[in-house]
Amino acid sequence: MLYWALVFLVVAIIAGALGFGGIAGTSAGIAQILFFIFLAFLIISLVAGLFKRSS
């Protein structure tokens, strides 16, 4: 999922450089959503790992 966030980030940067505002905004929005989903999964897995290790 982090891969797709980075792909949409690159697409947003390229589209922004070329002046395609709608495509850049949409790609940046998708990249931001995927980034926060990935961040939530990371935190959940770290917390689950801490609980598993202490048991």
N, C-alpha and C. Protein backbone atom coordinates (compact mmCIF):
# COMPACT_ATOMS: atom_id res chain seq x y z
N MET A 1 0.82 -1.18 0.00
CA MET A 1 0.00 0.00 0.00
C MET A 1 0.87 1.25 0.00
N LEU A 2 2.01 1.20 0.65
CA LEU A 2 2.93 2.33 0.62
C LEU A 2 3.41 2.57 -0.81
N TYR A 3 3.56 1.49 -1.57
CA TYR A 3 3.97 1.61 -2.98
C TYR A 3 2.97 2.48 -3.75
N TRP A 4 1.67 2.22 -3.54
CA TRP A 4 0.65 2.98 -4.28
C TRP A 4 0.62 4.43 -3.83
N ALA A 5 0.86 4.69 -2.56
CA ALA A 5 0.91 6.07 -2.08
C ALA A 5 2.06 6.81 -2.76
N LEU A 6 3.20 6.14 -2.89
CA LEU A 6 4.34 6.77 -3.56
C LEU A 6 4.09 6.96 -5.05
N VAL A 7 3.41 6.00 -5.68
CA VAL A 7 3.09 6.13 -7.11
C VAL A 7 2.19 7.34 -7.34
N PHE A 8 1.14 7.48 -6.52
CA PHE A 8 0.25 8.63 -6.68
C PHE A 8 0.94 9.93 -6.34
N LEU A 9 1.90 9.91 -5.42
CA LEU A 9 2.66 11.10 -5.11
C LEU A 9 3.49 11.53 -6.31
N VAL A 10 4.15 10.59 -6.96
CA VAL A 10 4.96 10.90 -8.15
C VAL A 10 4.07 11.42 -9.28
N VAL A 11 2.91 10.79 -9.47
CA VAL A 11 1.98 11.25 -10.51
C VAL A 11 1.53 12.68 -10.20
N ALA A 12 1.26 12.97 -8.93
CA ALA A 12 0.83 14.32 -8.56
C ALA A 12 1.93 15.34 -8.81
N ILE A 13 3.17 14.99 -8.52
CA ILE A 13 4.28 15.91 -8.74
C ILE A 13 4.47 16.18 -10.23
N ILE A 14 4.42 15.12 -11.04
CA ILE A 14 4.59 15.29 -12.48
C ILE A 14 3.44 16.09 -13.07
N ALA A 15 2.21 15.76 -12.66
CA ALA A 15 1.05 16.49 -13.18
C ALA A 15 1.07 17.94 -12.73
N GLY A 16 1.52 18.19 -11.51
CA GLY A 16 1.63 19.57 -11.04
C GLY A 16 2.66 20.36 -11.82
N ALA A 17 3.77 19.70 -12.17
CA ALA A 17 4.82 20.38 -12.94
C ALA A 17 4.34 20.70 -14.36
N LEU A 18 3.48 19.85 -14.90
CA LEU A 18 2.99 20.07 -16.24
C LEU A 18 1.75 20.96 -16.28
N GLY A 19 1.20 21.27 -15.12
CA GLY A 19 0.08 22.21 -15.07
C GLY A 19 -1.29 21.58 -15.11
N PHE A 20 -1.41 20.30 -14.87
CA PHE A 20 -2.72 19.65 -14.85
C PHE A 20 -3.25 19.69 -13.42
N GLY A 21 -3.96 20.75 -13.07
CA GLY A 21 -4.39 20.96 -11.70
C GLY A 21 -5.32 19.90 -11.17
N GLY A 22 -6.30 19.49 -11.96
CA GLY A 22 -7.26 18.50 -11.49
C GLY A 22 -6.64 17.15 -11.24
N ILE A 23 -5.79 16.72 -12.15
CA ILE A 23 -5.12 15.42 -12.00
C ILE A 23 -4.15 15.45 -10.82
N ALA A 24 -3.44 16.55 -10.69
CA ALA A 24 -2.47 16.66 -9.59
C ALA A 24 -3.19 16.66 -8.24
N GLY A 25 -4.30 17.38 -8.15
CA GLY A 25 -5.03 17.42 -6.89
C GLY A 25 -5.62 16.07 -6.52
N THR A 26 -6.17 15.38 -7.51
CA THR A 26 -6.75 14.06 -7.26
C THR A 26 -5.67 13.06 -6.84
N SER A 27 -4.56 13.05 -7.55
CA SER A 27 -3.48 12.13 -7.22
C SER A 27 -2.89 12.43 -5.85
N ALA A 28 -2.75 13.69 -5.52
CA ALA A 28 -2.22 14.05 -4.21
C ALA A 28 -3.20 13.63 -3.11
N GLY A 29 -4.48 13.78 -3.36
CA GLY A 29 -5.48 13.36 -2.38
C GLY A 29 -5.46 11.86 -2.14
N ILE A 30 -5.34 11.09 -3.21
CA ILE A 30 -5.28 9.63 -3.08
C ILE A 30 -4.00 9.23 -2.36
N ALA A 31 -2.89 9.87 -2.69
CA ALA A 31 -1.62 9.55 -2.03
C ALA A 31 -1.70 9.87 -0.54
N GLN A 32 -2.36 10.96 -0.19
CA GLN A 32 -2.48 11.34 1.21
C GLN A 32 -3.35 10.33 1.96
N ILE A 33 -4.45 9.91 1.38
CA ILE A 33 -5.32 8.92 2.02
C ILE A 33 -4.58 7.60 2.22
N LEU A 34 -3.89 7.13 1.19
CA LEU A 34 -3.15 5.88 1.30
C LEU A 34 -2.03 5.97 2.33
N PHE A 35 -1.40 7.14 2.42
CA PHE A 35 -0.33 7.32 3.40
C PHE A 35 -0.87 7.19 4.82
N PHE A 36 -2.02 7.81 5.09
CA PHE A 36 -2.57 7.75 6.44
C PHE A 36 -3.10 6.35 6.77
N ILE A 37 -3.63 5.64 5.78
CA ILE A 37 -4.04 4.25 6.00
C ILE A 37 -2.82 3.40 6.34
N PHE A 38 -1.73 3.58 5.61
CA PHE A 38 -0.49 2.85 5.87
C PHE A 38 0.05 3.19 7.26
N LEU A 39 -0.01 4.45 7.63
CA LEU A 39 0.46 4.87 8.94
C LEU A 39 -0.36 4.23 10.05
N ALA A 40 -1.67 4.14 9.87
CA ALA A 40 -2.54 3.50 10.86
C ALA A 40 -2.19 2.02 10.99
N PHE A 41 -1.99 1.33 9.86
CA PHE A 41 -1.61 -0.09 9.90
C PHE A 41 -0.26 -0.28 10.59
N LEU A 42 0.66 0.64 10.38
CA LEU A 42 1.97 0.56 11.03
C LEU A 42 1.82 0.66 12.55
N ILE A 43 1.04 1.61 13.00
CA ILE A 43 0.84 1.79 14.44
C ILE A 43 0.14 0.58 15.05
N ILE A 44 -0.87 0.06 14.35
CA ILE A 44 -1.58 -1.12 14.85
C ILE A 44 -0.65 -2.32 14.95
N SER A 45 0.19 -2.52 13.95
CA SER A 45 1.09 -3.67 13.97
C SER A 45 2.17 -3.51 15.05
N LEU A 46 2.63 -2.28 15.29
CA LEU A 46 3.61 -2.06 16.36
C LEU A 46 2.99 -2.34 17.73
N VAL A 47 1.77 -1.87 17.95
CA VAL A 47 1.10 -2.12 19.23
C VAL A 47 0.83 -3.61 19.40
N ALA A 48 0.38 -4.27 18.36
CA ALA A 48 0.11 -5.71 18.44
C ALA A 48 1.41 -6.47 18.71
N GLY A 49 2.51 -6.05 18.13
CA GLY A 49 3.79 -6.68 18.38
C GLY A 49 4.26 -6.51 19.81
N LEU A 50 4.00 -5.35 20.38
CA LEU A 50 4.38 -5.12 21.78
C LEU A 50 3.56 -6.01 22.72
N PHE A 51 2.26 -6.14 22.46
CA PHE A 51 1.41 -7.00 23.30
C PHE A 51 1.77 -8.48 23.13
N LYS A 52 2.12 -8.87 21.93
CA LYS A 52 2.47 -10.27 21.69
C LYS A 52 3.81 -10.62 22.37
N ARG A 53 4.73 -9.69 22.33
CA ARG A 53 6.06 -9.91 22.90
C ARG A 53 5.99 -10.02 24.42
N SER A 54 5.13 -9.22 25.08
CA SER A 54 5.07 -9.22 26.53
C SER A 54 4.30 -10.43 27.09
N SER A 55 3.55 -11.12 26.29
CA SER A 55 2.78 -12.28 26.78
C SER A 55 3.64 -13.50 26.95
